[in-house]
C-alpha atoms as a PDB file:
ATOM      1  CA  MET A   1     184.968  82.005 126.299  1.00  0.00           C
ATOM      2  CA  ALA A   2     187.518  84.274 128.196  1.00  0.00           C
ATOM      3  CA  TYR A   3     190.100  86.221 126.476  1.00  0.00           C
ATOM      4  CA  THR A   4     193.682  87.061 127.568  1.00  0.00           C
ATOM      5  CA  PRO A   5     194.839  90.712 127.335  1.00  0.00           C
ATOM      6  CA  GLN A   6     197.250  89.795 124.658  1.00  0.00           C
ATOM      7  CA  GLN A   7     194.215  88.293 122.680  1.00  0.00           C
ATOM      8  CA  ILE A   8     192.270  91.605 122.942  1.00  0.00           C
ATOM      9  CA  LYS A   9     194.953  93.680 122.266  1.00  0.00           C
ATOM     10  CA  GLY A  10     195.976  91.699 119.341  1.00  0.00           C
ATOM     11  CA  TYR A  11     192.334  91.734 117.664  1.00  0.00           C
ATOM     12  CA  VAL A  12     192.668  95.529 117.987  1.00  0.00           C
ATOM     13  CA  GLN A  13     195.875  95.998 116.329  1.00  0.00           C
ATOM     14  CA  GLU A  14     194.772  93.625 113.460  1.00  0.00           C
ATOM     15  CA  GLN A  15     191.453  95.058 112.748  1.00  0.00           C
ATOM     16  CA  GLY A  16     193.237  98.583 112.759  1.00  0.00           C
ATOM     17  CA  ILE A  17     191.047 100.257 115.237  1.00  0.00           C
ATOM     18  CA  VAL A  18     193.467 101.229 117.705  1.00  0.00           C
ATOM     19  CA  ASN A  19     192.370 105.134 117.420  1.00  0.00           C
ATOM     20  CA  ASP A  20     188.697 104.211 116.878  1.00  0.00           C
ATOM     21  CA  PRO A  21     187.370 104.190 120.534  1.00  0.00           C
ATOM     22  CA  GLY A  22     184.070 103.917 119.154  1.00  0.00           C
ATOM     23  CA  ALA A  23     185.006 100.451 117.113  1.00  0.00           C
ATOM     24  CA  MET A  24     186.721  99.076 120.075  1.00  0.00           C
ATOM     25  CA  TYR A  25     183.528  99.352 122.249  1.00  0.00           C
ATOM     26  CA  THR A  26     181.151  97.912 119.701  1.00  0.00           C
ATOM     27  CA  ALA A  27     183.514  94.675 119.506  1.00  0.00           C
ATOM     28  CA  ALA A  28     184.079  94.822 123.152  1.00  0.00           C
ATOM     29  CA  LYS A  29     179.968  94.908 123.593  1.00  0.00           C
ATOM     30  CA  LYS A  30     179.835  91.818 120.960  1.00  0.00           C
ATOM     31  CA  TYR A  31     181.838  89.276 122.765  1.00  0.00           C
ATOM     32  CA  GLY A  32     181.321  90.292 126.483  1.00  0.00           C
ATOM     33  CA  VAL A  33     184.620  92.203 127.178  1.00  0.00           C
ATOM     34  CA  THR A  34     184.556  94.850 130.280  1.00  0.00           C
ATOM     35  CA  GLY A  35     185.762  97.882 130.741  1.00  0.00           C
ATOM     36  CA  SER A  36     188.234  96.859 133.373  1.00  0.00           C
ATOM     37  CA  GLN A  37     189.671  94.222 130.805  1.00  0.00           C
ATOM     38  CA  MET A  38     189.686  96.794 127.692  1.00  0.00           C
ATOM     39  CA  ASP A  39     192.174  98.645 130.697  1.00  0.00           C
ATOM     40  CA  GLU A  40     194.184  96.267 131.267  1.00  0.00           C
ATOM     41  CA  ALA A  41     194.506  94.889 127.719  1.00  0.00           C
ATOM     42  CA  MET A  42     195.310  98.359 125.860  1.00  0.00           C
ATOM     43  CA  GLY A  43     197.326  99.556 129.256  1.00  0.00           C
ATOM     44  CA  TRP A  44     194.851 102.464 129.872  1.00  0.00           C
ATOM     45  CA  GLN A  45     194.517 103.817 133.479  1.00  0.00           C
ATOM     46  CA  GLY A  46     192.059 101.905 135.188  1.00  0.00           C
ATOM     47  CA  GLY A  47     188.470 103.320 134.692  1.00  0.00           C
ATOM     48  CA  THR A  48     189.538 104.917 131.458  1.00  0.00           C
ATOM     49  CA  ALA A  49     186.693 102.692 129.210  1.00  0.00           C
ATOM     50  CA  ASP A  50     184.030 103.270 131.803  1.00  0.00           C
ATOM     51  CA  ASN A  51     184.202 107.078 131.845  1.00  0.00           C
ATOM     52  CA  TRP A  52     184.500 107.142 128.163  1.00  0.00           C
ATOM     53  CA  THR A  53     181.586 104.960 128.023  1.00  0.00           C
ATOM     54  CA  LYS A  54     179.296 107.325 130.452  1.00  0.00           C
ATOM     55  CA  GLN A  55     180.581 110.499 128.444  1.00  0.00           C
ATOM     56  CA  GLN A  56     179.006 108.946 125.352  1.00  0.00           C
ATOM     57  CA  GLY A  57     176.052 108.077 126.684  1.00  0.00           C
ATOM     58  CA  TYR A  58     176.703 104.310 125.995  1.00  0.00           C
ATOM     59  CA  GLU A  59     175.206 101.309 127.611  1.00  0.00           C
ATOM     60  CA  SER A  60     178.028 100.172 130.374  1.00  0.00           C
ATOM     61  CA  LEU A  61     180.382  97.671 129.287  1.00  0.00           C
ATOM     62  CA  GLY A  62     179.855  95.972 132.878  1.00  0.00           C
ATOM     63  CA  THR A  63     182.241  94.457 135.397  1.00  0.00           C
ATOM     64  CA  THR A  64     181.072  90.982 135.467  1.00  0.00           C
ATOM     65  CA  SER A  65     183.327  88.381 133.765  1.00  0.00           C
ATOM     66  CA  GLN A  66     183.789  87.720 130.040  1.00  0.00           C
ATOM     67  CA  GLY A  67     180.961  84.609 130.049  1.00  0.00           C
ATOM     68  CA  GLY A  68     178.151  87.054 130.954  1.00  0.00           C
ATOM     69  CA  GLY A  69     178.558  89.275 128.004  1.00  0.00           C
ATOM     70  CA  THR A  70     175.608  89.911 125.684  1.00  0.00           C
ATOM     71  CA  GLY A  71     176.190  88.643 121.924  1.00  0.00           C
ATOM     72  CA  GLY A  72     176.177  90.883 119.078  1.00  0.00           C
ATOM     73  CA  ALA A  73     176.691  94.649 118.641  1.00  0.00           C
ATOM     74  CA  LEU A  74     173.405  95.333 116.685  1.00  0.00           C
ATOM     75  CA  ALA A  75     171.135  93.534 119.445  1.00  0.00           C
ATOM     76  CA  SER A  76     171.155  96.574 121.966  1.00  0.00           C
ATOM     77  CA  TRP A  77     170.244  99.061 118.637  1.00  0.00           C
ATOM     78  CA  ALA A  78     166.632 100.206 118.937  1.00  0.00           C
ATOM     79  CA  THR A  79     166.730 100.403 115.349  1.00  0.00           C
ATOM     80  CA  ASP A  80     168.564  98.658 112.688  1.00  0.00           C
ATOM     81  CA  PRO A  81     169.838 101.038 109.851  1.00  0.00           C
ATOM     82  CA  THR A  82     170.089  98.612 107.111  1.00  0.00           C
ATOM     83  CA  ASN A  83     166.612  97.623 107.699  1.00  0.00           C
ATOM     84  CA  MET A  84     165.322 101.289 107.484  1.00  0.00           C
ATOM     85  CA  THR A  85     162.577 102.298 105.068  1.00  0.00           C
ATOM     86  CA  ALA A  86     161.966 105.411 103.090  1.00  0.00           C
ATOM     87  CA  ASP A  87     159.178 106.529 105.541  1.00  0.00           C
ATOM     88  CA  GLN A  88     161.469 106.239 108.809  1.00  0.00           C
ATOM     89  CA  TYR A  89     163.951 108.393 106.703  1.00  0.00           C
ATOM     90  CA  LYS A  90     160.997 111.012 106.146  1.00  0.00           C
ATOM     91  CA  THR A  91     160.392 110.910 110.042  1.00  0.00           C
ATOM     92  CA  MET A  92     163.646 111.763 110.388  1.00  0.00           C
ATOM     93  CA  ALA A  93     163.657 114.552 108.057  1.00  0.00           C
ATOM     94  CA  GLY A  94     161.126 116.069 110.080  1.00  0.00           C
ATOM     95  CA  PRO A  95     157.998 117.597 108.628  1.00  0.00           C
ATOM     96  CA  MET A  96     158.420 119.648 104.917  1.00  0.00           C
ATOM     97  CA  GLN A  97     157.513 123.386 105.649  1.00  0.00           C
ATOM     98  CA  GLY A  98     155.180 124.846 103.253  1.00  0.00           C
ATOM     99  CA  ALA A  99     155.493 128.178 101.090  1.00  0.00           C
ATOM    100  CA  THR A 100     154.502 131.232 102.328  1.00  0.00           C
ATOM    101  CA  THR A 101     152.168 132.865 100.061  1.00  0.00           C
ATOM    102  CA  TYR A 102     151.828 136.755  99.703  1.00  0.00           C
ATOM    103  CA  THR A 103     148.923 139.007  99.257  1.00  0.00           C
ATOM    104  CA  PRO A 104     149.767 142.297  99.569  1.00  0.00           C
ATOM    105  CA  SER A 105     147.914 144.444 102.822  1.00  0.00           C
ATOM    106  CA  ASP A 106     145.979 147.242 102.406  1.00  0.00           C
ATOM    107  CA  ASN A 107     149.414 149.500 102.909  1.00  0.00           C
ATOM    108  CA  ALA A 108     150.568 148.283  99.773  1.00  0.00           C
ATOM    109  CA  LEU A 109     147.426 149.726  97.846  1.00  0.00           C
ATOM    110  CA  VAL A 110     148.137 153.411  96.588  1.00  0.00           C
ATOM    111  CA  SER A 111     143.695 154.075  97.278  1.00  0.00           C
ATOM    112  CA  ASN A 112     144.387 153.429 100.867  1.00  0.00           C
ATOM    113  CA  ASN A 113     147.364 155.408 101.333  1.00  0.00           C
ATOM    114  CA  LEU A 114     145.868 158.541  99.413  1.00  0.00           C
ATOM    115  CA  THR A 115     143.167 158.436 101.465  1.00  0.00           C
ATOM    116  CA  LYS A 116     144.981 158.581 104.412  1.00  0.00           C
ATOM    117  CA  LEU A 117     147.155 161.621 103.021  1.00  0.00           C
ATOM    118  CA  LEU A 118     143.895 163.253 102.295  1.00  0.00           C
ATOM    119  CA  ALA A 119     142.354 162.901 105.408  1.00  0.00           C
ATOM    120  CA  SER A 120     145.119 163.899 107.733  1.00  0.00           C
ATOM    121  CA  ASP A 121     145.343 167.235 108.440  1.00  0.00           C
ATOM    122  CA  ASN A 122     148.931 167.744 108.044  1.00  0.00           C
ATOM    123  CA  PRO A 123     151.030 171.057 106.916  1.00  0.00           C
ATOM    124  CA  TYR A 124     151.884 169.469 103.260  1.00  0.00           C
ATOM    125  CA  MET A 125     148.047 169.071 102.536  1.00  0.00           C
ATOM    126  CA  THR A 126     147.024 172.239 104.031  1.00  0.00           C
ATOM    127  CA  LEU A 127     149.799 174.004 102.042  1.00  0.00           C
ATOM    128  CA  ALA A 128     148.198 172.423  99.096  1.00  0.00           C
ATOM    129  CA  ARG A 129     144.904 173.653  99.401  1.00  0.00           C
ATOM    130  CA  SER A 130     145.888 177.251 100.416  1.00  0.00           C
ATOM    131  CA  LYS A 131     147.897 177.444  97.429  1.00  0.00           C
ATOM    132  CA  ALA A 132     144.894 176.873  95.393  1.00  0.00           C
ATOM    133  CA  GLN A 133     142.654 178.832  97.295  1.00  0.00           C
ATOM    134  CA  ALA A 134     145.315 181.574  97.439  1.00  0.00           C
ATOM    135  CA  TYR A 135     144.900 181.242  93.442  1.00  0.00           C
ATOM    136  CA  SER A 136     141.612 180.946  92.826  1.00  0.00           C
ATOM    137  CA  ASN A 137     141.134 184.217  95.059  1.00  0.00           C
ATOM    138  CA  SER A 138     143.645 186.144  92.640  1.00  0.00           C
ATOM    139  CA  ARG A 139     141.093 185.055  90.169  1.00  0.00           C
ATOM    140  CA  GLY A 140     137.634 186.531  91.823  1.00  0.00           C
ATOM    141  CA  LEU A 141     136.621 182.372  92.905  1.00  0.00           C
ATOM    142  CA  LEU A 142     137.666 182.094  96.669  1.00  0.00           C
ATOM    143  CA  ASN A 143     134.022 181.562  97.952  1.00  0.00           C
ATOM    144  CA  SER A 144     132.779 179.253  94.835  1.00  0.00           C
ATOM    145  CA  THR A 145     132.543 175.798  93.875  1.00  0.00           C
ATOM    146  CA  MET A 146     135.454 175.915  91.528  1.00  0.00           C
ATOM    147  CA  ALA A 147     137.544 177.204  94.053  1.00  0.00           C
ATOM    148  CA  GLY A 148     136.637 174.180  96.438  1.00  0.00           C
ATOM    149  CA  GLN A 149     137.471 171.735  93.640  1.00  0.00           C
ATOM    150  CA  ALA A 150     140.458 173.408  92.794  1.00  0.00           C
ATOM    151  CA  GLY A 151     141.829 173.265  96.166  1.00  0.00           C
ATOM    152  CA  GLU A 152     140.800 169.479  96.390  1.00  0.00           C
ATOM    153  CA  ARG A 153     142.393 168.911  92.864  1.00  0.00           C
ATOM    154  CA  ALA A 154     145.819 170.338  94.283  1.00  0.00           C
ATOM    155  CA  ALA A 155     145.808 168.271  97.382  1.00  0.00           C
ATOM    156  CA  ILE A 156     145.058 164.916  95.475  1.00  0.00           C
ATOM    157  CA  GLU A 157     147.685 165.964  93.084  1.00  0.00           C
ATOM    158  CA  SER A 158     150.460 166.709  95.498  1.00  0.00           C
ATOM    159  CA  ALA A 159     149.313 163.656  97.467  1.00  0.00           C
ATOM    160  CA  LEU A 160     149.575 161.009  94.516  1.00  0.00           C
ATOM    161  CA  PRO A 161     153.026 160.864  94.191  1.00  0.00           C
ATOM    162  CA  ILE A 162     153.539 160.254  98.105  1.00  0.00           C
ATOM    163  CA  ALA A 163     150.741 157.578  98.214  1.00  0.00           C
ATOM    164  CA  GLN A 164     152.278 155.582  95.347  1.00  0.00           C
ATOM    165  CA  GLN A 165     155.444 155.640  96.666  1.00  0.00           C
ATOM    166  CA  ASP A 166     154.391 154.438  99.748  1.00  0.00           C
ATOM    167  CA  ALA A 167     152.339 151.789  98.224  1.00  0.00           C
ATOM    168  CA  SER A 168     155.666 150.546  96.443  1.00  0.00           C
ATOM    169  CA  SER A 169     157.584 150.545  99.759  1.00  0.00           C
ATOM    170  CA  TYR A 170     154.758 148.432 101.689  1.00  0.00           C
ATOM    171  CA  PHE A 171     154.803 146.028  98.500  1.00  0.00           C
ATOM    172  CA  THR A 172     158.482 145.430  97.736  1.00  0.00           C
ATOM    173  CA  SER A 173     158.999 144.824 101.770  1.00  0.00           C
ATOM    174  CA  GLU A 174     156.007 142.611 102.151  1.00  0.00           C
ATOM    175  CA  ARG A 175     156.963 140.453  98.904  1.00  0.00           C
ATOM    176  CA  ASP A 176     160.670 140.197  99.879  1.00  0.00           C
ATOM    177  CA  ASN A 177     159.721 139.280 103.905  1.00  0.00           C
ATOM    178  CA  ALA A 178     157.738 136.497 102.043  1.00  0.00           C
ATOM    179  CA  SER A 179     160.333 135.758  99.754  1.00  0.00           C
ATOM    180  CA  ALA A 180     162.850 135.290 102.680  1.00  0.00           C
ATOM    181  CA  GLN A 181     160.450 132.890 104.623  1.00  0.00           C
ATOM    182  CA  ASN A 182     160.501 130.823 101.558  1.00  0.00           C
ATOM    183  CA  THR A 183     164.452 130.611 101.665  1.00  0.00           C
ATOM    184  CA  PHE A 184     164.487 129.966 105.109  1.00  0.00           C
ATOM    185  CA  ALA A 185     161.751 127.104 105.004  1.00  0.00           C
ATOM    186  CA  ARG A 186     163.975 125.670 101.830  1.00  0.00           C
ATOM    187  CA  ASP A 187     166.909 125.641 103.681  1.00  0.00           C
ATOM    188  CA  ALA A 188     165.505 124.253 106.840  1.00  0.00           C
ATOM    189  CA  ASN A 189     164.100 121.487 104.731  1.00  0.00           C
ATOM    190  CA  ALA A 190     167.251 120.830 103.205  1.00  0.00           C
ATOM    191  CA  PHE A 191     169.017 120.764 106.608  1.00  0.00           C
ATOM    192  CA  GLY A 192     166.462 118.253 107.764  1.00  0.00           C
ATOM    193  CA  ARG A 193     166.833 116.184 105.000  1.00  0.00           C
ATOM    194  CA  GLU A 194     170.701 116.097 104.631  1.00  0.00           C
ATOM    195  CA  GLY A 195     170.846 115.555 108.707  1.00  0.00           C
ATOM    196  CA  ALA A 196     168.617 112.277 108.158  1.00  0.00           C
ATOM    197  CA  LEU A 197     170.423 110.930 105.657  1.00  0.00           C
ATOM    198  CA  THR A 198     173.766 111.835 107.488  1.00  0.00           C
ATOM    199  CA  THR A 199     172.575 109.893 110.684  1.00  0.00           C
ATOM    200  CA  ALA A 200     171.519 106.611 108.554  1.00  0.00           C
ATOM    201  CA  LYS A 201     174.633 106.415 106.953  1.00  0.00           C
ATOM    202  CA  ALA A 202     176.810 106.980 109.907  1.00  0.00           C
ATOM    203  CA  GLY A 203     174.196 104.415 111.603  1.00  0.00           C
ATOM    204  CA  PHE A 204     174.795 101.794 108.718  1.00  0.00           C
ATOM    205  CA  GLY A 205     178.441 102.409 108.275  1.00  0.00           C
ATOM    206  CA  LEU A 206     178.666 101.347 111.962  1.00  0.00           C
ATOM    207  CA  GLY A 207     176.366  98.292 111.934  1.00  0.00           C
ATOM    208  CA  ALA A 208     177.488  96.717 108.711  1.00  0.00           C
ATOM    209  CA  GLN A 209     181.130  97.119 108.888  1.00  0.00           C
ATOM    210  CA  ARG A 210     181.045  95.546 112.387  1.00  0.00           C
ATOM    211  CA  GLU A 211     178.756  92.757 112.067  1.00  0.00           C
ATOM    212  CA  GLY A 212     180.197  89.412 111.389  1.00  0.00           C
ATOM    213  CA  GLN A 213     183.767  90.252 112.360  1.00  0.00           C
ATOM    214  CA  THR A 214     184.983  87.275 114.632  1.00  0.00           C
ATOM    215  CA  TRP A 215     187.754  86.844 117.052  1.00  0.00           C
ATOM    216  CA  LYS A 216     188.025  82.969 116.363  1.00  0.00           C
ATOM    217  CA  SER A 217     188.582  80.477 113.779  1.00  0.00           C
ATOM    218  CA  GLY A 218     186.201  80.662 110.820  1.00  0.00           C
ATOM    219  CA  GLU A 219     186.368  84.059 110.166  1.00  0.00           C
ATOM    220  CA  SER A 220     186.648  83.847 106.294  1.00  0.00           C
ATOM    221  CA  ALA A 221     183.051  81.956 106.220  1.00  0.00           C
ATOM    222  CA  LEU A 222     181.542  84.841 108.455  1.00  0.00           C
ATOM    223  CA  ASP A 223     183.448  87.590 106.006  1.00  0.00           C
ATOM    224  CA  ARG A 224     181.138  85.830 103.143  1.00  0.00           C
ATOM    225  CA  THR A 225     177.926  86.248 105.177  1.00  0.00           C
ATOM    226  CA  LEU A 226     178.650  89.587 105.964  1.00  0.00           C
ATOM    227  CA  GLN A 227     179.528  90.542 102.542  1.00  0.00           C
ATOM    228  CA  THR A 228     175.398  89.137 101.699  1.00  0.00           C
ATOM    229  CA  THR A 229     174.537  91.010 104.368  1.00  0.00           C
ATOM    230  CA  GLU A 230     176.068  93.955 103.727  1.00  0.00           C
ATOM    231  CA  ASN A 231     174.717  93.803  99.878  1.00  0.00           C
ATOM    232  CA  ALA A 232     171.356  93.489 100.580  1.00  0.00           C
ATOM    233  CA  ALA A 233     171.529  96.060 102.927  1.00  0.00           C
ATOM    234  CA  GLU A 234     173.013  98.468 100.623  1.00  0.00           C
ATOM    235  CA  ARG A 235     170.738  97.785  98.266  1.00  0.00           C
ATOM    236  CA  GLU A 236     167.631  98.486 100.275  1.00  0.00           C
ATOM    237  CA  PHE A 237     169.378 101.853 101.879  1.00  0.00           C
ATOM    238  CA  ARG A 238     169.756 102.974  98.425  1.00  0.00           C
ATOM    239  CA  THR A 239     166.209 102.315  97.398  1.00  0.00           C
ATOM    240  CA  GLY A 240     165.333 104.186 100.644  1.00  0.00           C
ATOM    241  CA  GLU A 241     167.366 106.840 100.128  1.00  0.00           C
ATOM    242  CA  ARG A 242     166.492 107.684  96.426  1.00  0.00           C
ATOM    243  CA  GLU A 243     162.951 107.494  97.711  1.00  0.00           C
ATOM    244  CA  ALA A 244     163.443 110.155 100.674  1.00  0.00           C
ATOM    245  CA  THR A 245     165.281 112.005  97.872  1.00  0.00           C
ATOM    246  CA  GLU A 246     162.474 112.240  95.055  1.00  0.00           C
ATOM    247  CA  ALA A 247     159.972 112.965  97.892  1.00  0.00           C
ATOM    248  CA  PHE A 248     161.619 115.748  99.551  1.00  0.00           C
ATOM    249  CA  THR A 249     162.660 117.217  96.152  1.00  0.00           C
ATOM    250  CA  THR A 250     159.060 116.893  94.743  1.00  0.00           C
ATOM    251  CA  GLY A 251     157.735 118.827  98.213  1.00  0.00           C
ATOM    252  CA  ARG A 252     160.324 121.551  97.503  1.00  0.00           C
ATOM    253  CA  ASP A 253     159.903 122.260  93.897  1.00  0.00           C
ATOM    254  CA  ALA A 254     155.887 122.533  94.236  1.00  0.00           C
ATOM    255  CA  ALA A 255     156.532 124.816  97.431  1.00  0.00           C
ATOM    256  CA  GLN A 256     158.963 126.961  94.945  1.00  0.00           C
ATOM    257  CA  PHE A 257     156.459 127.163  92.298  1.00  0.00           C
ATOM    258  CA  ASN A 258     153.701 128.214  94.275  1.00  0.00           C
ATOM    259  CA  ASN A 259     155.584 130.788  95.274  1.00  0.00           C
ATOM    260  CA  ARG A 260     156.574 131.786  92.040  1.00  0.00           C
ATOM    261  CA  LEU A 261     152.877 131.778  90.657  1.00  0.00           C
ATOM    262  CA  THR A 262     152.195 134.174  93.707  1.00  0.00           C
ATOM    263  CA  GLU A 263     155.142 136.531  92.746  1.00  0.00           C
ATOM    264  CA  ILE A 264     153.952 136.559  88.994  1.00  0.00           C
ATOM    265  CA  SER A 265     150.434 137.660  90.051  1.00  0.00           C
ATOM    266  CA  ALA A 266     150.773 139.721  93.178  1.00  0.00           C
ATOM    267  CA  GLN A 267     151.473 142.849  91.361  1.00  0.00           C
ATOM    268  CA  THR A 268     148.672 142.549  88.838  1.00  0.00           C
ATOM    269  CA  ASP A 269     146.199 141.601  91.881  1.00  0.00           C
ATOM    270  CA  ALA A 270     147.059 145.094  93.764  1.00  0.00           C
ATOM    271  CA  GLN A 271     146.671 146.895  90.391  1.00  0.00           C
ATOM    272  CA  ILE A 272     142.995 145.379  89.486  1.00  0.00           C
ATOM    273  CA  LYS A 273     142.126 145.893  93.382  1.00  0.00           C
ATOM    274  CA  LEU A 274     142.712 149.833  92.775  1.00  0.00           C
ATOM    275  CA  LEU A 275     141.458 149.833  89.336  1.00  0.00           C
ATOM    276  CA  ASP A 276     137.871 148.004  90.935  1.00  0.00           C
ATOM    277  CA  LYS A 277     138.055 150.860  93.569  1.00  0.00           C
ATOM    278  CA  GLN A 278     138.901 153.614  91.691  1.00  0.00           C
ATOM    279  CA  GLN A 279     136.537 153.135  88.519  1.00  0.00           C
ATOM    280  CA  GLY A 280     133.669 151.190  90.201  1.00  0.00           C
ATOM    281  CA  THR A 281     134.322 147.943  87.924  1.00  0.00           C
ATOM    282  CA  ASN A 282     134.687 144.382  89.225  1.00  0.00           C
ATOM    283  CA  LEU A 283     137.418 142.676  87.216  1.00  0.00           C
ATOM    284  CA  TYR A 284     138.990 141.411  90.527  1.00  0.00           C
ATOM    285  CA  SER A 285     136.431 138.775  90.919  1.00  0.00           C
ATOM    286  CA  GLY A 286     136.569 137.252  87.515  1.00  0.00           C
ATOM    287  CA  TYR A 287     140.945 137.860  87.702  1.00  0.00           C
ATOM    288  CA  ARG A 288     140.748 135.484  90.931  1.00  0.00           C
ATOM    289  CA  THR A 289     138.625 132.892  89.308  1.00  0.00           C
ATOM    290  CA  ALA A 290     140.721 132.321  86.442  1.00  0.00           C
ATOM    291  CA  SER A 291     144.087 132.591  88.314  1.00  0.00           C
ATOM    292  CA  GLN A 292     142.476 129.791  90.428  1.00  0.00           C
ATOM    293  CA  GLY A 293     141.445 128.043  87.795  1.00  0.00           C
ATOM    294  CA  ILE A 294     144.994 128.170  86.347  1.00  0.00           C
ATOM    295  CA  ASN A 295     146.245 126.647  89.671  1.00  0.00           C
ATOM    296  CA  ASP A 296     143.800 123.592  89.753  1.00  0.00           C
ATOM    297  CA  ASP A 297     144.301 122.652  86.375  1.00  0.00           C
ATOM    298  CA  TYR A 298     148.525 122.628  87.268  1.00  0.00           C
ATOM    299  CA  ALA A 299     147.715 120.729  90.407  1.00  0.00           C
ATOM    300  CA  ALA A 300     145.600 118.129  88.473  1.00  0.00           C
ATOM    301  CA  ALA A 301     148.089 117.785  85.540  1.00  0.00           C
ATOM    302  CA  VAL A 302     150.918 117.370  88.245  1.00  0.00           C
ATOM    303  CA  ALA A 303     148.587 114.578  89.978  1.00  0.00           C
ATOM    304  CA  ARG A 304     147.914 112.750  86.742  1.00  0.00           C
ATOM    305  CA  ILE A 305     151.767 112.943  86.460  1.00  0.00           C
ATOM    306  CA  ASN A 306     152.843 111.351  89.356  1.00  0.00           C
ATOM    307  CA  GLU A 307     150.332 108.588  89.568  1.00  0.00           C
ATOM    308  CA  SER A 308     151.821 107.578  86.084  1.00  0.00           C
ATOM    309  CA  ASP A 309     154.007 104.607  85.699  1.00  0.00           C
ATOM    310  CA  MET A 310     156.336 106.721  83.899  1.00  0.00           C
ATOM    311  CA  ASP A 311     160.423 106.901  85.029  1.00  0.00           C
ATOM    312  CA  PRO A 312     161.436 109.529  87.517  1.00  0.00           C
ATOM    313  CA  ASP A 313     163.213 111.561  85.147  1.00  0.00           C
ATOM    314  CA  VAL A 314     160.121 111.562  82.512  1.00  0.00           C
ATOM    315  CA  LYS A 315     158.019 112.900  85.437  1.00  0.00           C
ATOM    316  CA  GLN A 316     160.282 115.494  86.216  1.00  0.00           C
ATOM    317  CA  ALA A 317     160.607 116.602  82.457  1.00  0.00           C
ATOM    318  CA  GLN A 318     156.950 116.854  82.363  1.00  0.00           C
ATOM    319  CA  ILE A 319     156.303 118.414  85.554  1.00  0.00           C
ATOM    320  CA  ALA A 320     159.220 121.237  84.288  1.00  0.00           C
ATOM    321  CA  THR A 321     157.254 121.775  80.795  1.00  0.00           C
ATOM    322  CA  LEU A 322     153.862 122.171  82.446  1.00  0.00           C
ATOM    323  CA  GLN A 323     155.492 124.581  84.978  1.00  0.00           C
ATOM    324  CA  THR A 324     156.825 126.553  81.960  1.00  0.00           C
ATOM    325  CA  LEU A 325     153.437 126.661  80.475  1.00  0.00           C
ATOM    326  CA  THR A 326     151.454 127.417  83.643  1.00  0.00           C
ATOM    327  CA  GLU A 327     153.733 130.405  84.060  1.00  0.00           C
ATOM    328  CA  GLN A 328     153.111 131.576  80.582  1.00  0.00           C
ATOM    329  CA  ARG A 329     149.006 131.231  81.058  1.00  0.00           C
ATOM    330  CA  GLN A 330     149.081 133.279  84.163  1.00  0.00           C
ATOM    331  CA  THR A 331     151.596 136.154  82.688  1.00  0.00           C
ATOM    332  CA  PHE A 332     148.880 136.293  79.681  1.00  0.00           C
ATOM    333  CA  LEU A 333     145.998 136.417  82.173  1.00  0.00           C
ATOM    334  CA  ASN A 334     147.995 139.362  84.032  1.00  0.00           C
ATOM    335  CA  THR A 335     148.635 141.084  80.714  1.00  0.00           C
ATOM    336  CA  LEU A 336     144.891 140.392  79.605  1.00  0.00           C
ATOM    337  CA  TYR A 337     143.535 141.721  82.885  1.00  0.00           C
ATOM    338  CA  ALA A 338     145.889 144.972  83.444  1.00  0.00           C
ATOM    339  CA  ASN A 339     144.816 145.863  79.779  1.00  0.00           C
ATOM    340  CA  SER A 340     141.045 145.455  79.778  1.00  0.00           C
ATOM    341  CA  PRO A 341     138.964 147.756  77.942  1.00  0.00           C
ATOM    342  CA  ALA A 342     136.859 148.182  81.110  1.00  0.00           C
ATOM    343  CA  VAL A 343     139.903 150.300  82.811  1.00  0.00           C
ATOM    344  CA  GLY A 344     140.546 152.350  79.490  1.00  0.00           C
END
């Protein structure tokens, strides 16, 4: 069927899309109206519609007669957003970025910094030893074993505050860097999810709003069909959106909690390593085994909760309670090892 310029312009005005070139393109594509016919109907300069179509990267409206047009704006879509699944939304959001765990480096250990300071032939250590030797000399002990021991003790006492400060600086910097990386990963995950949902909503709105509209009689019957289609598509979209949101939230919360456990144990981890090295104990192995046991218990419990048939809000509440208990277990373990009789 051929449409006159008056019919085309009248439809555009009736639908209220005079200032919506995207909607006009969709309608023209659906009913086989060419770019030159749109120019004539709307009073545009020749080539305006085709130039806009090229700028947007859309399929050309063509220059053939109306009889050769393709029907249905949704026919050229690679994916109908009204039929997208939760897995497709997850793919659009991109892969979930995991948490950055933190393990103190050698620079964050007081023992390593102390060893380096004592081993270096710097003026500060030389001065400390010289003062101790001068004092020993004043007491007639210059060449004795006690004089040598006094010199090393003075060097250690002078170097220890510096080593402690250096280790603390490294520990704080490394921990803060890990925290910043986790914050970035969390924001990147949220950005990807929101981008996917925004894209899906925009595509769904465009397709569902235009599908079923007609330029001829029988519009009321088509409107009823459109309403039925939109309702079904809306329910499916909401289901997909909810599943995608739940999947994202679960992954994000798990990553944040794992990072929280790492932060809780990091300081104790470094302290126990230092104590083992200084006192010849073997607390670290037992501490790590116990910490891993806490992590394993938590992971197994979360898996059981997620596999149950409980409502999502009940699952969320139980996992939150479990996280609180797990933090308490880890904190208790830290306190227990930090105050172990073996290090007294």
